[in-house]
C-alpha atoms as a PDB file:
ATOM      1  CA  UNK A   1     -12.067  13.906 -27.264  1.00  0.00           C
ATOM      2  CA  UNK A   2     -14.146  10.968 -25.966  1.00  0.00           C
ATOM      3  CA  UNK A   3     -17.657  11.608 -24.826  1.00  0.00           C
ATOM      4  CA  UNK A   4     -17.890  11.120 -21.077  1.00  0.00           C
ATOM      5  CA  UNK A   5     -20.495  10.776 -18.360  1.00  0.00           C
ATOM      6  CA  UNK A   6     -22.963  13.332 -17.090  1.00  0.00           C
ATOM      7  CA  UNK A   7     -22.010  16.834 -16.063  1.00  0.00           C
ATOM      8  CA  UNK A   8     -22.380  17.464 -12.335  1.00  0.00           C
ATOM      9  CA  UNK A   9     -24.996  20.067 -11.354  1.00  0.00           C
ATOM     10  CA  UNK A  10     -22.413  21.591  -9.003  1.00  0.00           C
ATOM     11  CA  UNK A  11     -19.863  21.703 -11.838  1.00  0.00           C
ATOM     12  CA  UNK A  12     -18.789  25.292 -11.187  1.00  0.00           C
ATOM     13  CA  UNK A  13     -17.870  24.487  -7.584  1.00  0.00           C
ATOM     14  CA  UNK A  14     -16.104  21.321  -8.733  1.00  0.00           C
ATOM     15  CA  UNK A  15     -14.072  23.270 -11.281  1.00  0.00           C
ATOM     16  CA  UNK A  16     -13.074  25.804  -8.613  1.00  0.00           C
ATOM     17  CA  UNK A  17     -11.771  22.992  -6.395  1.00  0.00           C
ATOM     18  CA  UNK A  18     -10.146  21.304  -9.368  1.00  0.00           C
ATOM     19  CA  UNK A  19      -8.154  24.365 -10.401  1.00  0.00           C
ATOM     20  CA  UNK A  20      -7.050  25.022  -6.820  1.00  0.00           C
ATOM     21  CA  UNK A  21      -5.524  21.523  -6.664  1.00  0.00           C
ATOM     22  CA  UNK A  22      -3.226  21.953  -9.641  1.00  0.00           C
ATOM     23  CA  UNK A  23       0.332  23.189  -8.965  1.00  0.00           C
ATOM     24  CA  UNK A  24       0.388  25.058 -12.274  1.00  0.00           C
ATOM     25  CA  UNK A  25      -2.597  27.182 -11.182  1.00  0.00           C
ATOM     26  CA  UNK A  26      -2.820  27.176  -7.375  1.00  0.00           C
ATOM     27  CA  UNK A  27      -0.228  29.946  -6.994  1.00  0.00           C
ATOM     28  CA  UNK A  28      -2.568  32.408  -8.692  1.00  0.00           C
ATOM     29  CA  UNK A  29      -4.766  34.894  -6.841  1.00  0.00           C
ATOM     30  CA  UNK A  30      -8.374  33.778  -6.128  1.00  0.00           C
ATOM     31  CA  UNK A  31      -9.822  36.148  -8.720  1.00  0.00           C
ATOM     32  CA  UNK A  32      -7.339  34.876 -11.324  1.00  0.00           C
ATOM     33  CA  UNK A  33      -8.288  31.263 -10.602  1.00  0.00           C
ATOM     34  CA  UNK A  34     -11.956  32.178 -10.912  1.00  0.00           C
ATOM     35  CA  UNK A  35     -11.182  33.558 -14.372  1.00  0.00           C
ATOM     36  CA  UNK A  36      -9.675  30.217 -15.353  1.00  0.00           C
ATOM     37  CA  UNK A  37     -12.616  28.306 -13.876  1.00  0.00           C
ATOM     38  CA  UNK A  38     -14.968  30.083 -16.275  1.00  0.00           C
ATOM     39  CA  UNK A  39     -13.141  28.530 -19.248  1.00  0.00           C
ATOM     40  CA  UNK A  40     -13.166  24.926 -17.990  1.00  0.00           C
ATOM     41  CA  UNK A  41     -15.842  22.266 -17.960  1.00  0.00           C
ATOM     42  CA  UNK A  42     -16.295  19.329 -15.630  1.00  0.00           C
ATOM     43  CA  UNK A  43     -16.877  15.729 -16.695  1.00  0.00           C
ATOM     44  CA  UNK A  44     -17.355  12.431 -14.848  1.00  0.00           C
ATOM     45  CA  UNK A  45     -16.079   9.036 -16.044  1.00  0.00           C
ATOM     46  CA  UNK A  46     -16.776   5.524 -14.840  1.00  0.00           C
ATOM     47  CA  UNK A  47     -14.163   2.935 -13.958  1.00  0.00           C
ATOM     48  CA  UNK A  48     -12.030   1.604 -16.853  1.00  0.00           C
ATOM     49  CA  UNK A  49     -13.345   4.279 -19.220  1.00  0.00           C
ATOM     50  CA  UNK A  50     -11.096   5.638 -21.942  1.00  0.00           C
ATOM     51  CA  UNK A  51     -10.626   9.401 -21.855  1.00  0.00           C
ATOM     52  CA  UNK A  52      -8.575   9.443 -25.041  1.00  0.00           C
ATOM     53  CA  UNK A  53      -6.460   7.099 -27.118  1.00  0.00           C
ATOM     54  CA  UNK A  54      -3.873   7.027 -29.929  1.00  0.00           C
ATOM     55  CA  UNK A  55      -4.997   9.100 -32.878  1.00  0.00           C
ATOM     56  CA  UNK A  56      -7.251  11.400 -30.866  1.00  0.00           C
ATOM     57  CA  UNK A  57      -6.502  15.113 -31.202  1.00  0.00           C
ATOM     58  CA  UNK A  58      -4.602  16.697 -28.311  1.00  0.00           C
ATOM     59  CA  UNK A  59      -6.426  19.998 -28.183  1.00  0.00           C
ATOM     60  CA  UNK A  60      -7.425  19.925 -24.508  1.00  0.00           C
ATOM     61  CA  UNK A  61      -5.713  19.989 -21.121  1.00  0.00           C
ATOM     62  CA  UNK A  62      -7.211  17.453 -18.685  1.00  0.00           C
ATOM     63  CA  UNK A  63      -6.940  17.974 -14.917  1.00  0.00           C
ATOM     64  CA  UNK A  64      -7.758  15.151 -12.490  1.00  0.00           C
ATOM     65  CA  UNK A  65     -10.107  16.372  -9.762  1.00  0.00           C
ATOM     66  CA  UNK A  66     -11.034  13.023  -8.205  1.00  0.00           C
ATOM     67  CA  UNK A  67     -10.025   9.446  -8.942  1.00  0.00           C
ATOM     68  CA  UNK A  68      -7.019   8.062 -10.799  1.00  0.00           C
ATOM     69  CA  UNK A  69      -6.004   7.726 -14.463  1.00  0.00           C
ATOM     70  CA  UNK A  70      -3.346   5.484 -15.959  1.00  0.00           C
ATOM     71  CA  UNK A  71      -1.312   6.535 -18.986  1.00  0.00           C
ATOM     72  CA  UNK A  72       0.038   3.667 -21.086  1.00  0.00           C
ATOM     73  CA  UNK A  73       1.090   2.504 -24.536  1.00  0.00           C
ATOM     74  CA  UNK A  74       0.500  -0.816 -26.272  1.00  0.00           C
ATOM     75  CA  UNK A  75       3.330  -2.630 -28.011  1.00  0.00           C
ATOM     76  CA  UNK A  76       2.866  -4.280 -31.393  1.00  0.00           C
ATOM     77  CA  UNK A  77       2.263  -7.558 -29.555  1.00  0.00           C
ATOM     78  CA  UNK A  78      -0.480  -5.915 -27.490  1.00  0.00           C
ATOM     79  CA  UNK A  79       1.541  -5.770 -24.259  1.00  0.00           C
ATOM     80  CA  UNK A  80       0.731  -2.810 -22.055  1.00  0.00           C
ATOM     81  CA  UNK A  81       3.555  -0.488 -20.949  1.00  0.00           C
ATOM     82  CA  UNK A  82       2.420   1.706 -18.080  1.00  0.00           C
ATOM     83  CA  UNK A  83       3.938   5.200 -18.212  1.00  0.00           C
ATOM     84  CA  UNK A  84       2.478   6.864 -15.127  1.00  0.00           C
ATOM     85  CA  UNK A  85      -0.487   7.093 -12.795  1.00  0.00           C
ATOM     86  CA  UNK A  86      -2.287  10.423 -12.416  1.00  0.00           C
ATOM     87  CA  UNK A  87      -3.967  11.407  -9.147  1.00  0.00           C
ATOM     88  CA  UNK A  88      -5.950  14.500  -8.058  1.00  0.00           C
ATOM     89  CA  UNK A  89      -4.062  17.647  -9.016  1.00  0.00           C
ATOM     90  CA  UNK A  90      -2.158  15.967 -11.881  1.00  0.00           C
ATOM     91  CA  UNK A  91      -2.777  16.928 -15.499  1.00  0.00           C
ATOM     92  CA  UNK A  92      -2.446  15.313 -18.921  1.00  0.00           C
ATOM     93  CA  UNK A  93      -2.783  16.346 -22.529  1.00  0.00           C
ATOM     94  CA  UNK A  94      -0.001  18.883 -22.114  1.00  0.00           C
ATOM     95  CA  UNK A  95       0.828  18.601 -25.823  1.00  0.00           C
ATOM     96  CA  UNK A  96      -2.126  20.950 -26.209  1.00  0.00           C
ATOM     97  CA  UNK A  97       0.205  23.695 -25.007  1.00  0.00           C
ATOM     98  CA  UNK A  98       2.176  23.658 -28.226  1.00  0.00           C
ATOM     99  CA  UNK A  99       0.177  22.386 -31.171  1.00  0.00           C
ATOM    100  CA  UNK A 100      -2.917  20.466 -32.208  1.00  0.00           C
ATOM    101  CA  UNK A 101      -1.259  17.081 -32.688  1.00  0.00           C
ATOM    102  CA  UNK A 102      -2.509  13.565 -31.911  1.00  0.00           C
ATOM    103  CA  UNK A 103      -1.933  11.298 -28.915  1.00  0.00           C
ATOM    104  CA  UNK A 104       0.295   8.231 -29.111  1.00  0.00           C
ATOM    105  CA  UNK A 105      -0.922   6.688 -25.829  1.00  0.00           C
ATOM    106  CA  UNK A 106      -4.045   5.817 -23.857  1.00  0.00           C
ATOM    107  CA  UNK A 107      -5.562   7.568 -20.836  1.00  0.00           C
ATOM    108  CA  UNK A 108      -7.938   5.234 -18.988  1.00  0.00           C
ATOM    109  CA  UNK A 109      -9.622   5.690 -15.605  1.00  0.00           C
ATOM    110  CA  UNK A 110      -8.743   3.248 -12.816  1.00  0.00           C
ATOM    111  CA  UNK A 111     -11.835   4.130 -10.774  1.00  0.00           C
ATOM    112  CA  UNK A 112     -14.690   6.630 -10.883  1.00  0.00           C
ATOM    113  CA  UNK A 113     -12.974   9.848 -11.928  1.00  0.00           C
ATOM    114  CA  UNK A 114     -13.827  13.522 -12.299  1.00  0.00           C
ATOM    115  CA  UNK A 115     -11.919  15.653 -14.793  1.00  0.00           C
ATOM    116  CA  UNK A 116     -11.719  19.381 -15.513  1.00  0.00           C
ATOM    117  CA  UNK A 117     -11.113  20.155 -19.198  1.00  0.00           C
ATOM    118  CA  UNK A 118      -9.677  23.288 -20.805  1.00  0.00           C
ATOM    119  CA  UNK A 119      -9.297  24.073 -24.519  1.00  0.00           C
ATOM    120  CA  UNK A 120      -5.864  24.709 -25.981  1.00  0.00           C
ATOM    121  CA  UNK A 121      -6.729  28.206 -27.233  1.00  0.00           C
ATOM    122  CA  UNK A 122      -7.920  29.291 -23.785  1.00  0.00           C
ATOM    123  CA  UNK A 123      -4.903  27.775 -22.064  1.00  0.00           C
ATOM    124  CA  UNK A 124      -2.521  29.577 -24.412  1.00  0.00           C
ATOM    125  CA  UNK A 125      -4.270  32.880 -23.656  1.00  0.00           C
ATOM    126  CA  UNK A 126      -3.696  32.365 -19.930  1.00  0.00           C
ATOM    127  CA  UNK A 127      -0.030  31.570 -20.531  1.00  0.00           C
ATOM    128  CA  UNK A 128       0.353  34.957 -22.189  1.00  0.00           C
ATOM    129  CA  UNK A 129      -1.594  36.731 -19.456  1.00  0.00           C
ATOM    130  CA  UNK A 130       0.017  34.949 -16.481  1.00  0.00           C
ATOM    131  CA  UNK A 131       3.618  33.983 -17.401  1.00  0.00           C
ATOM    132  CA  UNK A 132       4.140  32.341 -13.998  1.00  0.00           C
ATOM    133  CA  UNK A 133       1.958  29.465 -15.202  1.00  0.00           C
ATOM    134  CA  UNK A 134       4.574  28.668 -17.872  1.00  0.00           C
ATOM    135  CA  UNK A 135       7.295  28.374 -15.223  1.00  0.00           C
ATOM    136  CA  UNK A 136       5.165  25.975 -13.177  1.00  0.00           C
ATOM    137  CA  UNK A 137       4.506  23.865 -16.266  1.00  0.00           C
ATOM    138  CA  UNK A 138       8.233  23.729 -17.021  1.00  0.00           C
ATOM    139  CA  UNK A 139       8.854  22.558 -13.452  1.00  0.00           C
ATOM    140  CA  UNK A 140       6.346  19.744 -13.938  1.00  0.00           C
ATOM    141  CA  UNK A 141       7.879  18.803 -17.294  1.00  0.00           C
ATOM    142  CA  UNK A 142      11.286  18.661 -15.595  1.00  0.00           C
ATOM    143  CA  UNK A 143       9.971  16.300 -12.898  1.00  0.00           C
ATOM    144  CA  UNK A 144       8.348  14.057 -15.506  1.00  0.00           C
ATOM    145  CA  UNK A 145      11.531  13.947 -17.565  1.00  0.00           C
ATOM    146  CA  UNK A 146      13.528  12.978 -14.489  1.00  0.00           C
ATOM    147  CA  UNK A 147      11.094  10.166 -13.645  1.00  0.00           C
ATOM    148  CA  UNK A 148      11.141   8.956 -17.252  1.00  0.00           C
ATOM    149  CA  UNK A 149      14.940   8.903 -17.324  1.00  0.00           C
ATOM    150  CA  UNK A 150      15.035   6.913 -14.086  1.00  0.00           C
ATOM    151  CA  UNK A 151      12.459   4.455 -15.438  1.00  0.00           C
ATOM    152  CA  UNK A 152      14.316   3.975 -18.736  1.00  0.00           C
ATOM    153  CA  UNK A 153      17.609   3.541 -16.881  1.00  0.00           C
ATOM    154  CA  UNK A 154      16.098   0.938 -14.575  1.00  0.00           C
ATOM    155  CA  UNK A 155      14.474  -0.983 -17.415  1.00  0.00           C
ATOM    156  CA  UNK A 156      17.681  -1.152 -19.433  1.00  0.00           C
ATOM    157  CA  UNK A 157      20.374  -1.594 -16.796  1.00  0.00           C
ATOM    158  CA  UNK A 158      18.904  -3.110 -13.634  1.00  0.00           C
ATOM    159  CA  UNK A 159      17.634  -6.616 -12.912  1.00  0.00           C
ATOM    160  CA  UNK A 160      14.028  -7.202 -11.881  1.00  0.00           C
ATOM    161  CA  UNK A 161      14.794  -7.498  -8.169  1.00  0.00           C
ATOM    162  CA  UNK A 162      16.565  -4.150  -8.200  1.00  0.00           C
ATOM    163  CA  UNK A 163      13.732  -2.476 -10.137  1.00  0.00           C
ATOM    164  CA  UNK A 164      11.144  -3.650  -7.608  1.00  0.00           C
ATOM    165  CA  UNK A 165      13.283  -2.518  -4.676  1.00  0.00           C
ATOM    166  CA  UNK A 166      13.818   0.917  -6.236  1.00  0.00           C
ATOM    167  CA  UNK A 167      10.087   1.251  -6.854  1.00  0.00           C
ATOM    168  CA  UNK A 168       9.356   0.551  -3.176  1.00  0.00           C
ATOM    169  CA  UNK A 169      11.978   3.123  -2.169  1.00  0.00           C
ATOM    170  CA  UNK A 170      10.410   5.659  -4.534  1.00  0.00           C
ATOM    171  CA  UNK A 171       7.045   5.188  -2.804  1.00  0.00           C
ATOM    172  CA  UNK A 172       8.721   5.408   0.600  1.00  0.00           C
ATOM    173  CA  UNK A 173      10.330   8.744  -0.327  1.00  0.00           C
ATOM    174  CA  UNK A 174       6.850  10.254  -0.712  1.00  0.00           C
ATOM    175  CA  UNK A 175       5.833   9.601   2.892  1.00  0.00           C
ATOM    176  CA  UNK A 176       7.281  10.214   6.338  1.00  0.00           C
ATOM    177  CA  UNK A 177       5.995   6.854   7.553  1.00  0.00           C
ATOM    178  CA  UNK A 178       7.542   3.409   7.239  1.00  0.00           C
ATOM    179  CA  UNK A 179       4.366   1.958   5.725  1.00  0.00           C
ATOM    180  CA  UNK A 180       3.611   2.477   2.050  1.00  0.00           C
ATOM    181  CA  UNK A 181       0.442   1.841   0.062  1.00  0.00           C
ATOM    182  CA  UNK A 182       0.793   0.357  -3.399  1.00  0.00           C
ATOM    183  CA  UNK A 183      -1.049   2.841  -5.666  1.00  0.00           C
ATOM    184  CA  UNK A 184      -2.023   0.228  -8.244  1.00  0.00           C
ATOM    185  CA  UNK A 185      -2.502  -3.476  -8.808  1.00  0.00           C
ATOM    186  CA  UNK A 186       0.450  -5.837  -9.133  1.00  0.00           C
ATOM    187  CA  UNK A 187      -0.482  -6.209 -12.783  1.00  0.00           C
ATOM    188  CA  UNK A 188      -0.017  -2.464 -13.328  1.00  0.00           C
ATOM    189  CA  UNK A 189       3.162  -2.413 -11.237  1.00  0.00           C
ATOM    190  CA  UNK A 190       4.527  -5.219 -13.401  1.00  0.00           C
ATOM    191  CA  UNK A 191       3.622  -3.268 -16.548  1.00  0.00           C
ATOM    192  CA  UNK A 192       5.340  -0.179 -15.169  1.00  0.00           C
ATOM    193  CA  UNK A 193       8.508  -2.093 -14.242  1.00  0.00           C
ATOM    194  CA  UNK A 194       8.685  -4.284 -17.332  1.00  0.00           C
ATOM    195  CA  UNK A 195       8.102  -7.621 -15.616  1.00  0.00           C
ATOM    196  CA  UNK A 196       5.204  -9.957 -14.710  1.00  0.00           C
ATOM    197  CA  UNK A 197       2.702  -9.886 -11.811  1.00  0.00           C
ATOM    198  CA  UNK A 198       3.982 -13.292 -10.692  1.00  0.00           C
ATOM    199  CA  UNK A 199       7.529 -11.959 -10.444  1.00  0.00           C
ATOM    200  CA  UNK A 200       6.387  -8.940  -8.427  1.00  0.00           C
ATOM    201  CA  UNK A 201       4.524 -11.187  -5.968  1.00  0.00           C
ATOM    202  CA  UNK A 202       7.450 -13.609  -5.703  1.00  0.00           C
ATOM    203  CA  UNK A 203      10.025 -10.882  -5.077  1.00  0.00           C
ATOM    204  CA  UNK A 204       7.874  -9.176  -2.435  1.00  0.00           C
ATOM    205  CA  UNK A 205       7.529 -12.543  -0.683  1.00  0.00           C
ATOM    206  CA  UNK A 206      11.312 -13.016  -0.848  1.00  0.00           C
ATOM    207  CA  UNK A 207      11.922  -9.548   0.583  1.00  0.00           C
ATOM    208  CA  UNK A 208       9.590 -10.424   3.448  1.00  0.00           C
ATOM    209  CA  UNK A 209      11.377 -13.719   4.104  1.00  0.00           C
ATOM    210  CA  UNK A 210      14.660 -11.793   4.314  1.00  0.00           C
ATOM    211  CA  UNK A 211      13.137  -9.518   6.941  1.00  0.00           C
ATOM    212  CA  UNK A 212      13.259  -6.379   4.778  1.00  0.00           C
ATOM    213  CA  UNK A 213       9.525  -5.710   4.790  1.00  0.00           C
ATOM    214  CA  UNK A 214       6.167  -6.949   6.020  1.00  0.00           C
ATOM    215  CA  UNK A 215       3.079  -7.113   3.827  1.00  0.00           C
ATOM    216  CA  UNK A 216       0.421  -6.090   6.358  1.00  0.00           C
ATOM    217  CA  UNK A 217      -2.426  -6.063   3.791  1.00  0.00           C
ATOM    218  CA  UNK A 218      -2.776  -6.725   0.031  1.00  0.00           C
ATOM    219  CA  UNK A 219      -1.594  -3.176  -0.781  1.00  0.00           C
ATOM    220  CA  UNK A 220       0.052  -2.201   2.528  1.00  0.00           C
ATOM    221  CA  UNK A 221       3.768  -2.787   3.030  1.00  0.00           C
ATOM    222  CA  UNK A 222       5.832  -1.869   6.067  1.00  0.00           C
ATOM    223  CA  UNK A 223       9.470  -1.259   5.173  1.00  0.00           C
ATOM    224  CA  UNK A 224      11.728  -2.760   7.858  1.00  0.00           C
ATOM    225  CA  UNK A 225      15.196  -2.514   6.311  1.00  0.00           C
ATOM    226  CA  UNK A 226      15.499   0.405   3.887  1.00  0.00           C
ATOM    227  CA  UNK A 227      19.289   0.031   3.604  1.00  0.00           C
ATOM    228  CA  UNK A 228      18.977  -3.597   2.470  1.00  0.00           C
ATOM    229  CA  UNK A 229      16.725  -2.529  -0.388  1.00  0.00           C
ATOM    230  CA  UNK A 230      19.112   0.300  -1.308  1.00  0.00           C
ATOM    231  CA  UNK A 231      22.091  -2.092  -1.357  1.00  0.00           C
ATOM    232  CA  UNK A 232      20.589  -4.525  -3.880  1.00  0.00           C
END
């Protein structure tokens, strides 16, 4: 595991809040969550700091308390393939649940980030003690598998315009409003969708010219015609 920034003097309170954010733990009783808190430690990272990389041992579970983390791989040519963005309440390093293997991807902070960290041995003990945690983890694995299958399908069978439209619709499905906020830079969006930042910018401009959306700010987009995007 990479060495990170200073430990917060209010780390115990931070860890309590951190655990309460995570769907795999927040269903537990307060006293049960407090038991888990005692086994975790809190760490702070700066922007663009690597938490772990390929070859590092996966013997910890990492929970995002504040900030954002991007998970990506590098191709042989050095091109970055974004896999997902983690926000508060999300976790990574789940391979620690099964065995002490090594990572095949990078986890890098996108901004100042606070992480709660739990050892594999302690996590496995809680799985035995509180079986409901295992069910919650399986639910999260199922969601990740579904998102991965959709991404792979889009990358292999859809054109770039369709991929961008589907990505906007995915963001729209997470809010009840008509305005969405891009959660990352156009460079990262391009990496995630298997295209270039220039293509993302050009297609968004084309969608606006067609009256399907309005870019109200660099990362703010108001969706005007959802059906047009769905029909691409």
